Amino acid sequence: MNPKAAEKYVLLKPSATHEELADAARLHGWVLHRAGDREAPMRGREEVWATSDSLTAIHYVEDGLTDERYLWVRGANLDQVVTQLRRALLAYDEGELIDLADEEEEHNERVKAIIRVGLVFSRYNGEVLALYRRYLSDKDPLLRQATLFAIGCRALPEARGLVEHVADNDEDAETRAVARRMLAVYPPTSSS
């Protein structure tokens, strides 16, 4: 079984509140198992909740590196739990994230958009790979490096070839170096 098959990521919108998550947890009988440190902003913060049957874990993550907040849901009943979370919290849906990355024109917004895509998509999606490919061919090396970071968030096996191509062919030496460092730790594909 694919280990990523039993997980989903939900990116919270800036207006979503932690209190809404706590309210949803109370409503559905979820139990808080572990709360992280709010005093470590660069490391971020994580809380781990479990459904009452202990079959599904809900990780609330405040990512100190990307400044994004997301939920990592893993275990059984994923669709049911994700639906409950989406009803309780303002969150991006996957299509919205793809559209935003596709439409953004300003550099900083494009960087945010592609990183958001990288945080959420943990399984193959042809539209996402096409976005990665397009962003990796942008003239701006910083955007290409941000795209490599996005790819590295979930290290999709299908995206490894894109990283290999950048490592071998990118016109910018630093971008090639970033890709080579990624490949040193990128999980190999079954054909590698």
C-alpha atoms as a PDB file:
ATOM      1  CA  MET A   1       0.000   0.000   0.000  1.00  0.00           C
ATOM      2  CA  ASN A   2       1.176   3.507  -0.785  1.00  0.00           C
ATOM      3  CA  PRO A   3       1.937   5.179   2.593  1.00  0.00           C
ATOM      4  CA  LYS A   4       0.668   8.483   1.220  1.00  0.00           C
ATOM      5  CA  ALA A   5      -2.691   6.932   0.281  1.00  0.00           C
ATOM      6  CA  ALA A   6      -3.941   7.196   3.857  1.00  0.00           C
ATOM      7  CA  GLU A   7      -3.272  10.917   4.318  1.00  0.00           C
ATOM      8  CA  LYS A   8      -4.629  14.257   3.154  1.00  0.00           C
ATOM      9  CA  TYR A   9      -3.537  17.841   3.668  1.00  0.00           C
ATOM     10  CA  VAL A  10      -5.889  20.791   4.109  1.00  0.00           C
ATOM     11  CA  LEU A  11      -4.448  24.306   3.886  1.00  0.00           C
ATOM     12  CA  LEU A  12      -6.206  26.841   6.096  1.00  0.00           C
ATOM     13  CA  LYS A  13      -7.073  30.291   4.841  1.00  0.00           C
ATOM     14  CA  PRO A  14      -5.623  33.228   6.810  1.00  0.00           C
ATOM     15  CA  SER A  15      -9.019  34.004   8.353  1.00  0.00           C
ATOM     16  CA  ALA A  16      -9.441  30.490   9.800  1.00  0.00           C
ATOM     17  CA  THR A  17      -8.967  30.400  13.554  1.00  0.00           C
ATOM     18  CA  HIS A  18      -7.540  27.860  15.945  1.00  0.00           C
ATOM     19  CA  GLU A  19     -10.701  28.283  18.037  1.00  0.00           C
ATOM     20  CA  GLU A  20     -12.737  26.928  15.098  1.00  0.00           C
ATOM     21  CA  LEU A  21     -10.590  23.799  15.130  1.00  0.00           C
ATOM     22  CA  ALA A  22     -11.067  23.416  18.885  1.00  0.00           C
ATOM     23  CA  ASP A  23     -14.838  23.847  18.432  1.00  0.00           C
ATOM     24  CA  ALA A  24     -14.877  21.160  15.718  1.00  0.00           C
ATOM     25  CA  ALA A  25     -12.868  18.858  17.960  1.00  0.00           C
ATOM     26  CA  ARG A  26     -15.358  19.271  20.808  1.00  0.00           C
ATOM     27  CA  LEU A  27     -18.319  18.782  18.471  1.00  0.00           C
ATOM     28  CA  HIS A  28     -16.922  15.522  17.059  1.00  0.00           C
ATOM     29  CA  GLY A  29     -15.407  14.203  20.295  1.00  0.00           C
ATOM     30  CA  TRP A  30     -11.795  14.407  19.148  1.00  0.00           C
ATOM     31  CA  VAL A  31      -9.105  14.151  21.780  1.00  0.00           C
ATOM     32  CA  LEU A  32      -5.999  16.362  21.975  1.00  0.00           C
ATOM     33  CA  HIS A  33      -2.971  14.089  22.328  1.00  0.00           C
ATOM     34  CA  ARG A  34      -0.130  16.563  22.039  1.00  0.00           C
ATOM     35  CA  ALA A  35       0.256  20.319  21.818  1.00  0.00           C
ATOM     36  CA  GLY A  36       3.423  21.980  20.547  1.00  0.00           C
ATOM     37  CA  ASP A  37       5.363  24.993  21.739  1.00  0.00           C
ATOM     38  CA  ARG A  38       4.036  28.426  20.721  1.00  0.00           C
ATOM     39  CA  GLU A  39       7.380  29.993  21.681  1.00  0.00           C
ATOM     40  CA  ALA A  40       9.281  28.463  18.757  1.00  0.00           C
ATOM     41  CA  PRO A  41       8.097  30.465  15.731  1.00  0.00           C
ATOM     42  CA  MET A  42      10.749  29.315  13.223  1.00  0.00           C
ATOM     43  CA  ARG A  43      10.168  25.682  14.089  1.00  0.00           C
ATOM     44  CA  GLY A  44       6.439  26.209  14.058  1.00  0.00           C
ATOM     45  CA  ARG A  45       3.871  24.481  16.195  1.00  0.00           C
ATOM     46  CA  GLU A  46       1.964  21.236  15.978  1.00  0.00           C
ATOM     47  CA  GLU A  47      -1.027  19.822  17.797  1.00  0.00           C
ATOM     48  CA  VAL A  48      -2.139  16.248  17.331  1.00  0.00           C
ATOM     49  CA  TRP A  49      -5.797  15.353  17.727  1.00  0.00           C
ATOM     50  CA  ALA A  50      -7.387  11.914  17.346  1.00  0.00           C
ATOM     51  CA  THR A  51     -10.900  10.903  16.507  1.00  0.00           C
ATOM     52  CA  SER A  52     -12.827   9.270  19.340  1.00  0.00           C
ATOM     53  CA  ASP A  53     -12.213   5.823  17.811  1.00  0.00           C
ATOM     54  CA  SER A  54      -8.453   6.605  17.553  1.00  0.00           C
ATOM     55  CA  LEU A  55      -8.449   5.570  13.880  1.00  0.00           C
ATOM     56  CA  THR A  56      -7.690   9.014  12.473  1.00  0.00           C
ATOM     57  CA  ALA A  57      -5.104  11.597  13.534  1.00  0.00           C
ATOM     58  CA  ILE A  58      -5.522  15.293  12.801  1.00  0.00           C
ATOM     59  CA  HIS A  59      -2.277  17.267  12.957  1.00  0.00           C
ATOM     60  CA  TYR A  60      -2.741  21.023  13.165  1.00  0.00           C
ATOM     61  CA  VAL A  61       0.512  22.570  11.903  1.00  0.00           C
ATOM     62  CA  GLU A  62       1.682  26.168  12.090  1.00  0.00           C
ATOM     63  CA  ASP A  63       4.640  25.973   9.731  1.00  0.00           C
ATOM     64  CA  GLY A  64       7.307  28.424  10.856  1.00  0.00           C
ATOM     65  CA  LEU A  65       9.210  28.195   7.584  1.00  0.00           C
ATOM     66  CA  THR A  66       6.338  28.879   5.154  1.00  0.00           C
ATOM     67  CA  ASP A  67       4.151  30.873   7.571  1.00  0.00           C
ATOM     68  CA  GLU A  68       1.211  28.677   6.538  1.00  0.00           C
ATOM     69  CA  ARG A  69      -1.212  26.719   8.690  1.00  0.00           C
ATOM     70  CA  TYR A  70      -2.491  23.365   7.542  1.00  0.00           C
ATOM     71  CA  LEU A  71      -4.028  20.124   8.722  1.00  0.00           C
ATOM     72  CA  TRP A  72      -2.401  16.787   8.044  1.00  0.00           C
ATOM     73  CA  VAL A  73      -5.089  14.124   8.360  1.00  0.00           C
ATOM     74  CA  ARG A  74      -4.022  10.496   8.372  1.00  0.00           C
ATOM     75  CA  GLY A  75      -5.534   7.129   9.104  1.00  0.00           C
ATOM     76  CA  ALA A  76      -9.026   5.811   8.446  1.00  0.00           C
ATOM     77  CA  ASN A  77     -12.167   7.726   7.479  1.00  0.00           C
ATOM     78  CA  LEU A  78     -10.143  10.461   5.753  1.00  0.00           C
ATOM     79  CA  ASP A  79     -12.946  11.783   3.566  1.00  0.00           C
ATOM     80  CA  GLN A  80     -15.378  11.979   6.473  1.00  0.00           C
ATOM     81  CA  VAL A  81     -12.920  13.782   8.757  1.00  0.00           C
ATOM     82  CA  VAL A  82     -11.764  16.167   6.015  1.00  0.00           C
ATOM     83  CA  THR A  83     -15.417  17.009   5.260  1.00  0.00           C
ATOM     84  CA  GLN A  84     -16.001  17.756   8.948  1.00  0.00           C
ATOM     85  CA  LEU A  85     -12.922  19.985   9.016  1.00  0.00           C
ATOM     86  CA  ARG A  86     -13.931  21.838   5.855  1.00  0.00           C
ATOM     87  CA  ARG A  87     -17.375  22.525   7.336  1.00  0.00           C
ATOM     88  CA  ALA A  88     -15.817  23.980  10.479  1.00  0.00           C
ATOM     89  CA  LEU A  89     -12.826  25.886   9.077  1.00  0.00           C
ATOM     90  CA  LEU A  90     -12.132  28.204   6.178  1.00  0.00           C
ATOM     91  CA  ALA A  91      -9.784  26.197   3.988  1.00  0.00           C
ATOM     92  CA  TYR A  92      -8.617  26.198   0.389  1.00  0.00           C
ATOM     93  CA  ASP A  93      -9.884  23.404  -1.795  1.00  0.00           C
ATOM     94  CA  GLU A  94      -7.370  21.752  -4.098  1.00  0.00           C
ATOM     95  CA  GLY A  95      -8.808  23.249  -7.291  1.00  0.00           C
ATOM     96  CA  GLU A  96      -8.644  26.726  -5.805  1.00  0.00           C
ATOM     97  CA  LEU A  97      -4.941  26.292  -5.020  1.00  0.00           C
ATOM     98  CA  ILE A  98      -4.203  25.148  -8.572  1.00  0.00           C
ATOM     99  CA  ASP A  99      -6.179  28.089  -9.992  1.00  0.00           C
ATOM    100  CA  LEU A 100      -4.360  30.591  -7.768  1.00  0.00           C
ATOM    101  CA  ALA A 101      -0.963  29.246  -8.789  1.00  0.00           C
ATOM    102  CA  ASP A 102      -2.046  29.293 -12.413  1.00  0.00           C
ATOM    103  CA  GLU A 103      -3.314  32.901 -12.294  1.00  0.00           C
ATOM    104  CA  GLU A 104      -0.852  34.749 -10.058  1.00  0.00           C
ATOM    105  CA  GLU A 105       1.400  37.213 -11.843  1.00  0.00           C
ATOM    106  CA  GLU A 106       3.326  39.016  -9.064  1.00  0.00           C
ATOM    107  CA  HIS A 107       6.538  37.264  -7.957  1.00  0.00           C
ATOM    108  CA  ASN A 108       5.868  37.052  -4.198  1.00  0.00           C
ATOM    109  CA  GLU A 109       2.308  35.843  -4.770  1.00  0.00           C
ATOM    110  CA  ARG A 110       3.538  33.216  -7.220  1.00  0.00           C
ATOM    111  CA  VAL A 111       6.056  31.986  -4.643  1.00  0.00           C
ATOM    112  CA  LYS A 112       3.307  31.705  -1.997  1.00  0.00           C
ATOM    113  CA  ALA A 113       0.971  30.006  -4.454  1.00  0.00           C
ATOM    114  CA  ILE A 114       3.413  27.309  -5.578  1.00  0.00           C
ATOM    115  CA  ILE A 115       4.504  26.574  -1.999  1.00  0.00           C
ATOM    116  CA  ARG A 116       0.853  26.196  -0.981  1.00  0.00           C
ATOM    117  CA  VAL A 117       0.422  23.693  -3.799  1.00  0.00           C
ATOM    118  CA  GLY A 118       3.512  21.835  -2.580  1.00  0.00           C
ATOM    119  CA  LEU A 119       2.164  21.659   0.966  1.00  0.00           C
ATOM    120  CA  VAL A 120      -1.197  20.175  -0.010  1.00  0.00           C
ATOM    121  CA  PHE A 121      -0.647  17.699  -2.833  1.00  0.00           C
ATOM    122  CA  SER A 122       0.819  14.462  -1.500  1.00  0.00           C
ATOM    123  CA  ARG A 123      -0.376  12.290  -4.402  1.00  0.00           C
ATOM    124  CA  TYR A 124       0.062  12.457  -8.138  1.00  0.00           C
ATOM    125  CA  ASN A 125      -1.946  15.150  -9.908  1.00  0.00           C
ATOM    126  CA  GLY A 126      -1.260  15.954 -13.563  1.00  0.00           C
ATOM    127  CA  GLU A 127      -2.256  19.603 -13.153  1.00  0.00           C
ATOM    128  CA  VAL A 128       0.205  20.004 -10.297  1.00  0.00           C
ATOM    129  CA  LEU A 129       3.043  18.448 -12.282  1.00  0.00           C
ATOM    130  CA  ALA A 130       2.211  20.792 -15.173  1.00  0.00           C
ATOM    131  CA  LEU A 131       2.369  23.770 -12.768  1.00  0.00           C
ATOM    132  CA  TYR A 132       5.720  22.601 -11.425  1.00  0.00           C
ATOM    133  CA  ARG A 133       7.025  22.190 -14.977  1.00  0.00           C
ATOM    134  CA  ARG A 134       5.841  25.660 -15.968  1.00  0.00           C
ATOM    135  CA  TYR A 135       7.225  27.328 -12.839  1.00  0.00           C
ATOM    136  CA  LEU A 136      10.559  25.524 -13.295  1.00  0.00           C
ATOM    137  CA  SER A 137      10.857  27.036 -16.755  1.00  0.00           C
ATOM    138  CA  ASP A 138      10.276  30.597 -15.512  1.00  0.00           C
ATOM    139  CA  LYS A 139      13.069  33.105 -16.188  1.00  0.00           C
ATOM    140  CA  ASP A 140      13.384  33.971 -12.466  1.00  0.00           C
ATOM    141  CA  PRO A 141      15.807  31.600 -10.673  1.00  0.00           C
ATOM    142  CA  LEU A 142      14.289  32.467  -7.276  1.00  0.00           C
ATOM    143  CA  LEU A 143      10.889  31.288  -8.465  1.00  0.00           C
ATOM    144  CA  ARG A 144      12.468  28.107  -9.813  1.00  0.00           C
ATOM    145  CA  GLN A 145      14.130  27.547  -6.409  1.00  0.00           C
ATOM    146  CA  ALA A 146      10.794  28.167  -4.636  1.00  0.00           C
ATOM    147  CA  THR A 147       9.261  25.569  -6.937  1.00  0.00           C
ATOM    148  CA  LEU A 148      11.966  23.082  -5.968  1.00  0.00           C
ATOM    149  CA  PHE A 149      11.100  23.791  -2.322  1.00  0.00           C
ATOM    150  CA  ALA A 150       7.418  23.160  -3.118  1.00  0.00           C
ATOM    151  CA  ILE A 151       8.265  19.867  -4.823  1.00  0.00           C
ATOM    152  CA  GLY A 152      10.355  18.874  -1.814  1.00  0.00           C
ATOM    153  CA  CYS A 153       7.459  19.409   0.597  1.00  0.00           C
ATOM    154  CA  ARG A 154       5.892  16.057  -0.379  1.00  0.00           C
ATOM    155  CA  ALA A 155       8.587  14.623  -2.697  1.00  0.00           C
ATOM    156  CA  LEU A 156       6.165  13.096  -5.173  1.00  0.00           C
ATOM    157  CA  PRO A 157       7.929  10.270  -7.021  1.00  0.00           C
ATOM    158  CA  GLU A 158       6.469  11.617 -10.272  1.00  0.00           C
ATOM    159  CA  ALA A 159       8.238  14.960  -9.739  1.00  0.00           C
ATOM    160  CA  ARG A 160      11.708  13.499  -9.293  1.00  0.00           C
ATOM    161  CA  GLY A 161      12.395  13.721 -13.040  1.00  0.00           C
ATOM    162  CA  LEU A 162      11.682  17.457 -12.928  1.00  0.00           C
ATOM    163  CA  VAL A 163      14.262  17.901 -10.177  1.00  0.00           C
ATOM    164  CA  GLU A 164      16.769  15.782 -12.106  1.00  0.00           C
ATOM    165  CA  HIS A 165      16.223  17.931 -15.201  1.00  0.00           C
ATOM    166  CA  VAL A 166      16.866  21.133 -13.213  1.00  0.00           C
ATOM    167  CA  ALA A 167      19.977  19.609 -11.598  1.00  0.00           C
ATOM    168  CA  ASP A 168      21.396  18.826 -15.021  1.00  0.00           C
ATOM    169  CA  ASN A 169      20.137  21.686 -17.171  1.00  0.00           C
ATOM    170  CA  ASP A 170      19.162  24.830 -15.302  1.00  0.00           C
ATOM    171  CA  GLU A 171      21.042  27.923 -16.526  1.00  0.00           C
ATOM    172  CA  ASP A 172      21.538  29.176 -12.946  1.00  0.00           C
ATOM    173  CA  ALA A 173      24.325  27.512 -10.937  1.00  0.00           C
ATOM    174  CA  GLU A 174      22.608  28.046  -7.563  1.00  0.00           C
ATOM    175  CA  THR A 175      19.342  26.552  -8.813  1.00  0.00           C
ATOM    176  CA  ARG A 176      21.233  23.515 -10.162  1.00  0.00           C
ATOM    177  CA  ALA A 177      22.962  23.198  -6.771  1.00  0.00           C
ATOM    178  CA  VAL A 178      19.623  23.322  -4.923  1.00  0.00           C
ATOM    179  CA  ALA A 179      18.272  20.571  -7.175  1.00  0.00           C
ATOM    180  CA  ARG A 180      21.382  18.424  -6.652  1.00  0.00           C
ATOM    181  CA  ARG A 181      21.098  18.784  -2.865  1.00  0.00           C
ATOM    182  CA  MET A 182      17.458  17.727  -3.133  1.00  0.00           C
ATOM    183  CA  LEU A 183      18.328  14.652  -5.175  1.00  0.00           C
ATOM    184  CA  ALA A 184      20.774  13.532  -2.487  1.00  0.00           C
ATOM    185  CA  VAL A 185      17.795  13.026  -0.142  1.00  0.00           C
ATOM    186  CA  TYR A 186      14.889  12.594  -2.603  1.00  0.00           C
ATOM    187  CA  PRO A 187      13.340   9.139  -2.403  1.00  0.00           C
ATOM    188  CA  PRO A 188      14.251   7.117  -5.494  1.00  0.00           C
ATOM    189  CA  THR A 189      11.516   6.056  -7.889  1.00  0.00           C
ATOM    190  CA  SER A 190      10.980   2.385  -8.586  1.00  0.00           C
ATOM    191  CA  SER A 191      12.836   2.817 -11.892  1.00  0.00           C
ATOM    192  CA  SER A 192      15.792   4.770 -10.368  1.00  0.00           C
END
